[in-house]
Amino acid sequence: MTAPDVLVIGAGVVGAACAWYATRAGLRVTVVDRGPVAGGTTGAGEGNILVSDKPPGAELRLAQLSSGLWRDLGEQVGGFEYEPKGGVVVASAAETLDQLGTLADDQRGAGVEVTMIGPDGLSDYEPHLNPALAGGAYYPQDAQVQPALAAARLLRAARAAGARLRSGVEVRGLLRDGDRVTGVRTGDGDLAAGAVINAAGTWGGEIARLAGIDLPVLPRRGFILVTEPLPRIVRHKVYAAEYVSDVASGDADLQTSPVVEGTPAGPVLIGSSRERVGYDRTLSVPALRAVAAKAIGLFPVLAGVSVMRAYRGFRPYCPDHLPVIGPDPRAPGLLHACGHEGAGIGLSAATGLLLSQVLTGRDTELDLTPFRPERFA
């Protein structure tokens, strides 16, 4: 069998986007994953496609490119509950509202659409918000998808265009010809390829180490609560302004900031927490209590609502909070698409497009320098 032009390690949403765009560019693609499609971080995500939580800079530019791509992907691959519902960021105090206004001004200069909301205007956007809040900001470009469904549909479309998917295949080593990576070694045998994309999410650092490369991608654990099905009492993606600083923090200890959003099926998703505890999957009752309490602080109506379940996942954290995207000069033939932390669903479309442009020798739509793999050396 002819070796593929590209072998993608990882069948989460980032790997699926890489496969889709590479296949569309005319490349022969194989995707391998030791588990099922969306079996890692993607399956434990909320499906956020956000520009609201990013200050001007490289990540915001990546998010803006990706946001535009997501609007078209549903038609291209068959739909995945894409909701362009917008986001509302709220402030509990006047000082926090001033800081939010400063961020909004900076974001407008970078092309983000945002409208500041006074305390009397919040109920027009979210009737059930706590009336004691100081105000907020509305971001109409924020959206949401069902992440596992999005990954599955992207891979289905890629396979229909000729890509191959091999689940239950664990990568144990990389094939080399001198310095060049020429494929992967798996429990099912060697698989040659013209290039290899490391889209292994939280395990991206482990794949890099197989090439003798240090890539500081670490797991950051987070929990999400899922309520019973409800009428649409939450219209937008709603979160407290503190969420932005929590995401940007390098603190390893538990941090919680309220993030609340409804779903087409009725349940409300409630987050968020983050802590670096390795791959410890223990269900943390203190984290769940903190997340629930802060959500009720935003939406008092949730106090009497039952929680059906809670789930956890590991976000692929990088010390500078930027993903790793692009070819690795330390191991020619190896490209990275990992380290997106909690923004992987939103940033995946642009990541896949940009790597397809690299692989086909085209100019990339964004400068990949801020995301270069060797920046940690």
Protein backbone atom coordinates (compact mmCIF):
# COMPACT_ATOMS: atom_id res chain seq x y z
CA MET A 1 0.00 0.00 0.00
CA THR A 2 1.28 3.47 -0.88
CA ALA A 3 2.47 5.45 2.13
CA PRO A 4 0.35 8.53 2.89
CA ASP A 5 1.69 12.03 2.39
CA VAL A 6 0.68 12.85 5.96
CA LEU A 7 0.11 10.74 9.05
CA VAL A 8 -1.83 12.53 11.81
CA ILE A 9 -1.40 11.33 15.40
CA GLY A 10 -4.63 12.08 17.23
CA ALA A 11 -8.33 11.80 16.33
CA GLY A 12 -9.54 14.72 18.43
CA VAL A 13 -10.88 17.87 16.84
CA VAL A 14 -7.42 19.29 16.08
CA GLY A 15 -6.28 16.10 14.38
CA ALA A 16 -9.61 15.87 12.55
CA ALA A 17 -9.25 19.43 11.25
CA CYS A 18 -5.68 18.70 10.13
CA ALA A 19 -6.93 15.61 8.28
CA TRP A 20 -9.81 17.46 6.64
CA TYR A 21 -7.80 20.39 5.35
CA ALA A 22 -4.87 18.22 4.24
CA THR A 23 -7.26 15.95 2.33
CA ARG A 24 -8.94 18.96 0.71
CA ALA A 25 -5.50 20.16 -0.35
CA GLY A 26 -5.04 16.93 -2.31
CA LEU A 27 -2.81 15.05 0.15
CA ARG A 28 -3.13 11.37 1.06
CA VAL A 29 -3.87 11.23 4.79
CA THR A 30 -3.93 8.58 7.51
CA VAL A 31 -5.09 9.32 11.08
CA VAL A 32 -4.11 7.08 13.99
CA ASP A 33 -5.27 7.18 17.59
CA ARG A 34 -4.83 4.76 20.46
CA GLY A 35 -8.48 5.38 21.44
CA PRO A 36 -11.74 6.31 19.72
CA VAL A 37 -12.52 9.53 17.87
CA ALA A 38 -12.72 12.44 20.35
CA GLY A 39 -11.75 10.10 23.18
CA GLY A 40 -9.43 12.61 24.89
CA THR A 41 -9.65 16.34 25.53
CA THR A 42 -12.17 16.94 22.72
CA GLY A 43 -14.79 14.65 24.25
CA ALA A 44 -14.48 16.46 27.59
CA GLY A 45 -14.82 19.97 26.19
CA GLU A 46 -17.67 22.47 25.96
CA GLY A 47 -17.16 23.32 22.29
CA ASN A 48 -16.19 26.97 22.68
CA ILE A 49 -15.29 29.12 19.68
CA LEU A 50 -14.30 32.35 21.38
CA VAL A 51 -12.68 35.66 20.55
CA SER A 52 -13.92 37.35 23.73
CA ASP A 53 -11.34 35.84 26.07
CA LYS A 54 -8.26 36.79 24.03
CA PRO A 55 -6.37 40.11 24.13
CA PRO A 56 -4.87 41.44 20.88
CA GLY A 57 -2.00 39.32 19.67
CA ALA A 58 -1.14 36.06 17.95
CA GLU A 59 -3.78 33.89 19.62
CA LEU A 60 -6.57 36.36 18.85
CA ARG A 61 -5.53 36.47 15.19
CA LEU A 62 -5.61 32.67 15.13
CA ALA A 63 -9.05 32.68 16.79
CA GLN A 64 -10.42 35.21 14.29
CA LEU A 65 -9.24 33.12 11.35
CA SER A 66 -10.68 29.98 12.91
CA SER A 67 -14.00 31.60 13.77
CA GLY A 68 -14.57 32.47 10.13
CA LEU A 69 -13.70 28.94 9.04
CA TRP A 70 -16.11 27.36 11.52
CA ARG A 71 -18.99 29.31 10.03
CA ASP A 72 -18.50 27.43 6.75
CA LEU A 73 -17.42 24.02 8.02
CA GLY A 74 -20.91 22.89 8.95
CA GLU A 75 -22.06 23.03 5.33
CA GLN A 76 -18.86 21.38 4.13
CA VAL A 77 -18.89 18.35 6.44
CA GLY A 78 -22.52 17.79 7.40
CA GLY A 79 -23.30 19.87 10.49
CA PHE A 80 -22.36 19.56 14.16
CA GLU A 81 -24.71 21.79 16.22
CA TYR A 82 -22.92 25.01 15.36
CA GLU A 83 -24.51 27.86 17.37
CA PRO A 84 -23.45 31.46 16.62
CA LYS A 85 -25.10 32.57 19.86
CA GLY A 86 -22.60 35.18 21.00
CA GLY A 87 -20.99 35.61 24.38
CA VAL A 88 -21.72 37.81 27.40
CA VAL A 89 -18.87 38.58 29.79
CA VAL A 90 -20.03 39.98 33.12
CA ALA A 91 -18.36 41.98 35.88
CA SER A 92 -19.34 41.85 39.53
CA ALA A 93 -17.79 45.21 40.51
CA ALA A 94 -17.23 48.62 38.91
CA GLU A 95 -13.45 48.17 38.94
CA THR A 96 -13.73 44.87 37.05
CA LEU A 97 -16.12 46.48 34.57
CA ASP A 98 -13.55 49.24 33.90
CA GLN A 99 -10.89 46.58 33.23
CA LEU A 100 -13.29 44.77 30.91
CA GLY A 101 -13.93 48.03 29.07
CA THR A 102 -10.20 48.58 28.56
CA LEU A 103 -9.83 45.07 27.13
CA ALA A 104 -12.85 45.64 24.87
CA ASP A 105 -11.31 48.86 23.53
CA ASP A 106 -8.08 47.03 22.71
CA GLN A 107 -9.99 44.19 21.06
CA ARG A 108 -12.02 46.58 18.90
CA GLY A 109 -8.76 47.92 17.54
CA ALA A 110 -7.93 44.35 16.47
CA GLY A 111 -11.25 43.84 14.67
CA VAL A 112 -13.37 42.24 17.41
CA GLU A 113 -17.04 43.22 17.62
CA VAL A 114 -17.99 44.12 21.20
CA THR A 115 -20.70 46.17 22.89
CA MET A 116 -20.40 47.32 26.50
CA ILE A 117 -23.48 46.73 28.67
CA GLY A 118 -24.50 48.75 31.71
CA PRO A 119 -26.09 47.09 34.75
CA ASP A 120 -29.58 48.00 33.56
CA GLY A 121 -28.97 46.41 30.15
CA LEU A 122 -27.83 42.94 31.19
CA SER A 123 -31.38 41.62 31.48
CA ASP A 124 -31.97 42.41 27.81
CA TYR A 125 -29.32 39.82 26.97
CA GLU A 126 -29.84 37.38 29.86
CA PRO A 127 -33.08 37.86 31.85
CA HIS A 128 -32.01 35.46 34.61
CA LEU A 129 -28.64 37.04 35.44
CA ASN A 130 -28.00 38.26 38.98
CA PRO A 131 -29.30 41.88 39.06
CA ALA A 132 -26.46 42.88 41.40
CA LEU A 133 -23.84 42.57 38.64
CA ALA A 134 -22.09 45.80 37.63
CA GLY A 135 -22.40 45.28 33.87
CA GLY A 136 -20.69 43.40 31.08
CA ALA A 137 -19.80 43.13 27.40
CA TYR A 138 -21.50 41.39 24.49
CA TYR A 139 -19.39 39.57 21.86
CA PRO A 140 -21.56 38.54 18.88
CA GLN A 141 -18.72 36.57 17.24
CA ASP A 142 -18.53 33.94 20.01
CA ALA A 143 -20.04 30.57 19.09
CA GLN A 144 -20.29 26.95 20.19
CA VAL A 145 -20.25 23.51 18.59
CA GLN A 146 -20.81 20.00 19.87
CA PRO A 147 -17.09 19.08 19.95
CA ALA A 148 -17.21 15.28 19.67
CA LEU A 149 -19.73 15.52 16.83
CA ALA A 150 -17.57 18.14 15.08
CA ALA A 151 -14.51 15.85 15.23
CA ALA A 152 -16.53 12.88 13.98
CA ARG A 153 -18.02 14.83 11.07
CA LEU A 154 -14.66 16.29 10.03
CA LEU A 155 -13.13 12.82 9.98
CA ARG A 156 -16.11 11.34 8.18
CA ALA A 157 -15.77 13.98 5.47
CA ALA A 158 -12.02 13.42 5.24
CA ARG A 159 -12.55 9.66 4.89
CA ALA A 160 -15.16 10.21 2.20
CA ALA A 161 -12.47 12.17 0.35
CA GLY A 162 -9.94 9.34 0.69
CA ALA A 163 -8.37 9.65 4.15
CA ARG A 164 -7.91 6.59 6.35
CA LEU A 165 -8.64 6.31 10.08
CA ARG A 166 -7.05 3.68 12.32
CA SER A 167 -8.39 3.64 15.87
CA GLY A 168 -6.85 1.58 18.64
CA VAL A 169 -3.34 2.10 17.26
CA GLU A 170 -0.78 3.36 19.78
CA VAL A 171 2.28 5.23 18.52
CA ARG A 172 5.36 3.91 20.33
CA GLY A 173 8.14 5.48 18.31
CA LEU A 174 9.00 7.54 15.26
CA LEU A 175 10.70 6.20 12.14
CA ARG A 176 13.79 8.17 11.11
CA ASP A 177 16.01 8.48 8.08
CA GLY A 178 18.89 10.39 9.58
CA ASP A 179 17.30 13.37 11.31
CA ARG A 180 14.16 13.21 9.20
CA VAL A 181 10.94 11.71 10.58
CA THR A 182 9.54 9.28 8.02
CA GLY A 183 6.66 7.64 9.85
CA VAL A 184 5.65 6.04 13.13
CA ARG A 185 6.24 2.77 14.95
CA THR A 186 3.06 1.30 16.44
CA GLY A 187 1.95 -1.82 18.24
CA ASP A 188 0.51 -2.94 14.90
CA GLY A 189 3.72 -2.35 12.96
CA ASP A 190 5.55 0.48 11.23
CA LEU A 191 3.66 3.07 9.20
CA ALA A 192 5.68 5.15 6.76
CA ALA A 193 4.57 8.67 5.78
CA GLY A 194 5.87 11.70 3.99
CA ALA A 195 5.25 13.82 7.10
CA VAL A 196 3.86 13.29 10.61
CA ILE A 197 1.58 15.73 12.47
CA ASN A 198 1.64 15.56 16.26
CA ALA A 199 -1.98 16.36 17.16
CA ALA A 200 -1.94 14.29 20.33
CA GLY A 201 -3.36 17.01 22.57
CA THR A 202 -2.30 16.66 26.19
CA TRP A 203 0.07 13.87 25.15
CA GLY A 204 1.78 16.06 22.54
CA GLY A 205 4.85 16.39 24.75
CA GLU A 206 5.18 12.62 24.94
CA ILE A 207 5.05 12.29 21.15
CA ALA A 208 7.72 15.00 20.84
CA ARG A 209 9.94 13.11 23.26
CA LEU A 210 9.86 10.13 20.91
CA ALA A 211 11.81 12.39 18.54
CA GLY A 212 14.18 13.48 21.32
CA ILE A 213 12.49 16.89 21.54
CA ASP A 214 11.43 18.74 24.67
CA LEU A 215 7.97 20.24 24.20
CA PRO A 216 6.53 21.43 27.54
CA VAL A 217 2.88 20.43 27.02
CA LEU A 218 1.33 19.57 30.39
CA PRO A 219 -2.15 18.38 31.46
CA ARG A 220 -4.41 20.92 33.18
CA ARG A 221 -7.46 19.25 34.71
CA GLY A 222 -10.92 20.79 34.49
CA PHE A 223 -14.47 19.80 35.49
CA ILE A 224 -17.85 20.52 33.90
CA LEU A 225 -21.29 20.04 35.44
CA VAL A 226 -24.27 19.05 33.28
CA THR A 227 -27.75 19.93 34.55
CA GLU A 228 -31.08 18.30 33.86
CA PRO A 229 -32.77 19.47 30.63
CA LEU A 230 -34.21 22.96 31.06
CA PRO A 231 -36.07 25.58 29.05
CA ARG A 232 -33.63 27.98 27.36
CA ILE A 233 -32.88 30.07 30.45
CA VAL A 234 -29.30 30.83 29.30
CA ARG A 235 -29.20 32.34 25.84
CA HIS A 236 -25.49 33.01 25.32
CA LYS A 237 -22.10 31.80 26.43
CA VAL A 238 -21.88 33.66 29.77
CA TYR A 239 -18.81 33.93 31.95
CA ALA A 240 -17.29 36.15 34.60
CA ALA A 241 -14.52 38.55 33.58
CA GLU A 242 -12.15 36.74 35.97
CA TYR A 243 -12.17 33.78 33.58
CA VAL A 244 -9.80 35.65 31.24
CA SER A 245 -7.14 36.10 33.92
CA ASP A 246 -7.57 32.52 35.16
CA VAL A 247 -6.91 31.17 31.66
CA ALA A 248 -3.77 33.31 31.39
CA SER A 249 -2.49 32.24 34.80
CA GLY A 250 0.40 29.82 35.23
CA ASP A 251 -0.70 28.83 38.74
CA ALA A 252 -0.83 25.09 39.32
CA ASP A 253 -3.38 25.32 42.16
CA LEU A 254 -7.14 25.05 41.74
CA GLN A 255 -8.80 28.06 40.12
CA THR A 256 -12.50 28.39 39.42
CA SER A 257 -14.43 31.04 37.51
CA PRO A 258 -18.08 30.72 36.43
CA VAL A 259 -18.85 29.79 32.83
CA VAL A 260 -22.49 28.96 32.00
CA GLU A 261 -24.17 28.12 28.72
CA GLY A 262 -27.23 26.32 27.44
CA THR A 263 -27.35 23.61 24.79
CA PRO A 264 -29.85 22.76 22.03
CA ALA A 265 -30.80 19.58 23.92
CA GLY A 266 -31.72 21.49 27.11
CA PRO A 267 -28.99 20.75 29.70
CA VAL A 268 -26.91 23.68 30.91
CA LEU A 269 -23.12 23.25 30.94
CA ILE A 270 -21.39 24.77 33.97
CA GLY A 271 -17.66 25.34 34.37
CA SER A 272 -14.92 26.13 34.83
CA SER A 273 -12.03 24.87 36.88
CA ARG A 274 -8.35 24.40 36.15
CA GLU A 275 -5.49 22.85 38.09
CA ARG A 276 -2.28 21.03 37.28
CA VAL A 277 -2.37 17.65 39.00
CA GLY A 278 -0.81 15.48 36.32
CA TYR A 279 -3.20 12.86 34.92
CA ASP A 280 -5.06 12.39 38.22
CA ARG A 281 -8.68 11.65 37.23
CA THR A 282 -10.05 11.83 40.79
CA LEU A 283 -13.42 13.55 40.97
CA SER A 284 -12.75 16.61 43.14
CA VAL A 285 -15.81 17.47 45.25
CA PRO A 286 -14.32 20.83 46.39
CA ALA A 287 -13.81 21.83 42.75
CA LEU A 288 -17.37 20.83 41.82
CA ARG A 289 -18.81 22.72 44.78
CA ALA A 290 -16.85 25.85 43.89
CA VAL A 291 -17.94 25.68 40.26
CA ALA A 292 -21.61 25.22 41.24
CA ALA A 293 -21.56 28.02 43.80
CA LYS A 294 -20.08 30.52 41.39
CA ALA A 295 -22.56 29.57 38.67
CA ILE A 296 -25.43 30.23 41.09
CA GLY A 297 -23.81 33.59 41.82
CA LEU A 298 -24.31 34.49 38.16
CA PHE A 299 -27.68 32.76 37.68
CA PRO A 300 -29.57 32.40 40.99
CA VAL A 301 -32.28 30.47 39.12
CA LEU A 302 -29.88 27.52 38.95
CA ALA A 303 -29.96 27.02 42.73
CA GLY A 304 -32.87 24.60 42.52
CA VAL A 305 -31.72 22.75 39.41
CA SER A 306 -30.51 19.13 39.53
CA VAL A 307 -27.11 18.13 38.17
CA MET A 308 -27.23 14.94 36.09
CA ARG A 309 -23.51 14.33 35.88
CA ALA A 310 -20.04 15.81 36.02
CA TYR A 311 -17.11 15.05 33.77
CA ARG A 312 -13.47 15.95 33.66
CA GLY A 313 -10.81 16.39 31.03
CA PHE A 314 -7.19 17.44 30.64
CA ARG A 315 -6.37 20.56 28.68
CA PRO A 316 -2.95 20.65 26.96
CA TYR A 317 -1.25 23.56 28.73
CA CYS A 318 1.85 25.41 27.48
CA PRO A 319 3.78 27.81 29.75
CA ASP A 320 3.25 30.81 27.46
CA HIS A 321 -0.41 29.92 26.79
CA LEU A 322 0.10 29.69 23.04
CA PRO A 323 -0.38 26.51 21.01
CA VAL A 324 2.46 24.79 19.19
CA ILE A 325 1.80 24.89 15.45
CA GLY A 326 4.17 24.23 12.59
CA PRO A 327 7.16 22.21 11.40
CA ASP A 328 9.88 21.37 13.90
CA PRO A 329 13.35 22.22 12.54
CA ARG A 330 14.89 19.86 15.10
CA ALA A 331 13.14 16.91 13.44
CA PRO A 332 12.37 17.59 9.76
CA GLY A 333 9.20 15.84 8.67
CA LEU A 334 7.55 16.33 12.09
CA LEU A 335 4.91 19.04 12.49
CA HIS A 336 3.09 19.95 15.68
CA ALA A 337 -0.54 20.87 16.29
CA CYS A 338 -0.94 20.71 20.05
CA GLY A 339 -0.84 22.75 23.27
CA HIS A 340 -4.07 24.68 22.62
CA GLU A 341 -5.18 24.34 26.27
CA GLY A 342 -8.94 25.04 26.61
CA ALA A 343 -9.18 26.77 23.21
CA GLY A 344 -8.47 23.72 21.06
CA ILE A 345 -11.96 23.35 19.64
CA GLY A 346 -12.12 26.99 18.64
CA LEU A 347 -8.58 27.13 17.23
CA SER A 348 -8.60 23.74 15.50
CA ALA A 349 -9.98 24.87 12.14
CA ALA A 350 -7.28 27.48 11.62
CA THR A 351 -4.62 25.06 12.86
CA GLY A 352 -5.64 22.49 10.25
CA LEU A 353 -5.78 25.03 7.45
CA LEU A 354 -2.38 26.53 8.28
CA LEU A 355 -0.64 23.15 8.43
CA SER A 356 -2.19 22.13 5.11
CA GLN A 357 -0.67 25.29 3.63
CA VAL A 358 2.73 24.43 5.11
CA LEU A 359 2.56 20.87 3.76
CA THR A 360 1.67 22.00 0.25
CA GLY A 361 4.28 24.76 0.14
CA ARG A 362 1.79 27.63 0.07
CA ASP A 363 2.05 30.91 1.93
CA THR A 364 0.27 30.62 5.29
CA GLU A 365 -2.58 32.99 6.06
CA LEU A 366 -0.97 33.82 9.41
CA ASP A 367 2.63 34.16 10.52
CA LEU A 368 3.41 30.97 12.45
CA THR A 369 6.46 32.43 14.21
CA PRO A 370 4.70 32.98 17.58
CA PHE A 371 3.65 29.31 17.60
CA ARG A 372 6.98 27.80 16.48
CA PRO A 373 7.86 24.55 18.31
CA GLU A 374 11.49 25.48 19.01
CA ARG A 375 10.61 28.63 20.99
CA PHE A 376 10.96 26.75 24.30
CA ALA A 377 14.49 25.54 23.62
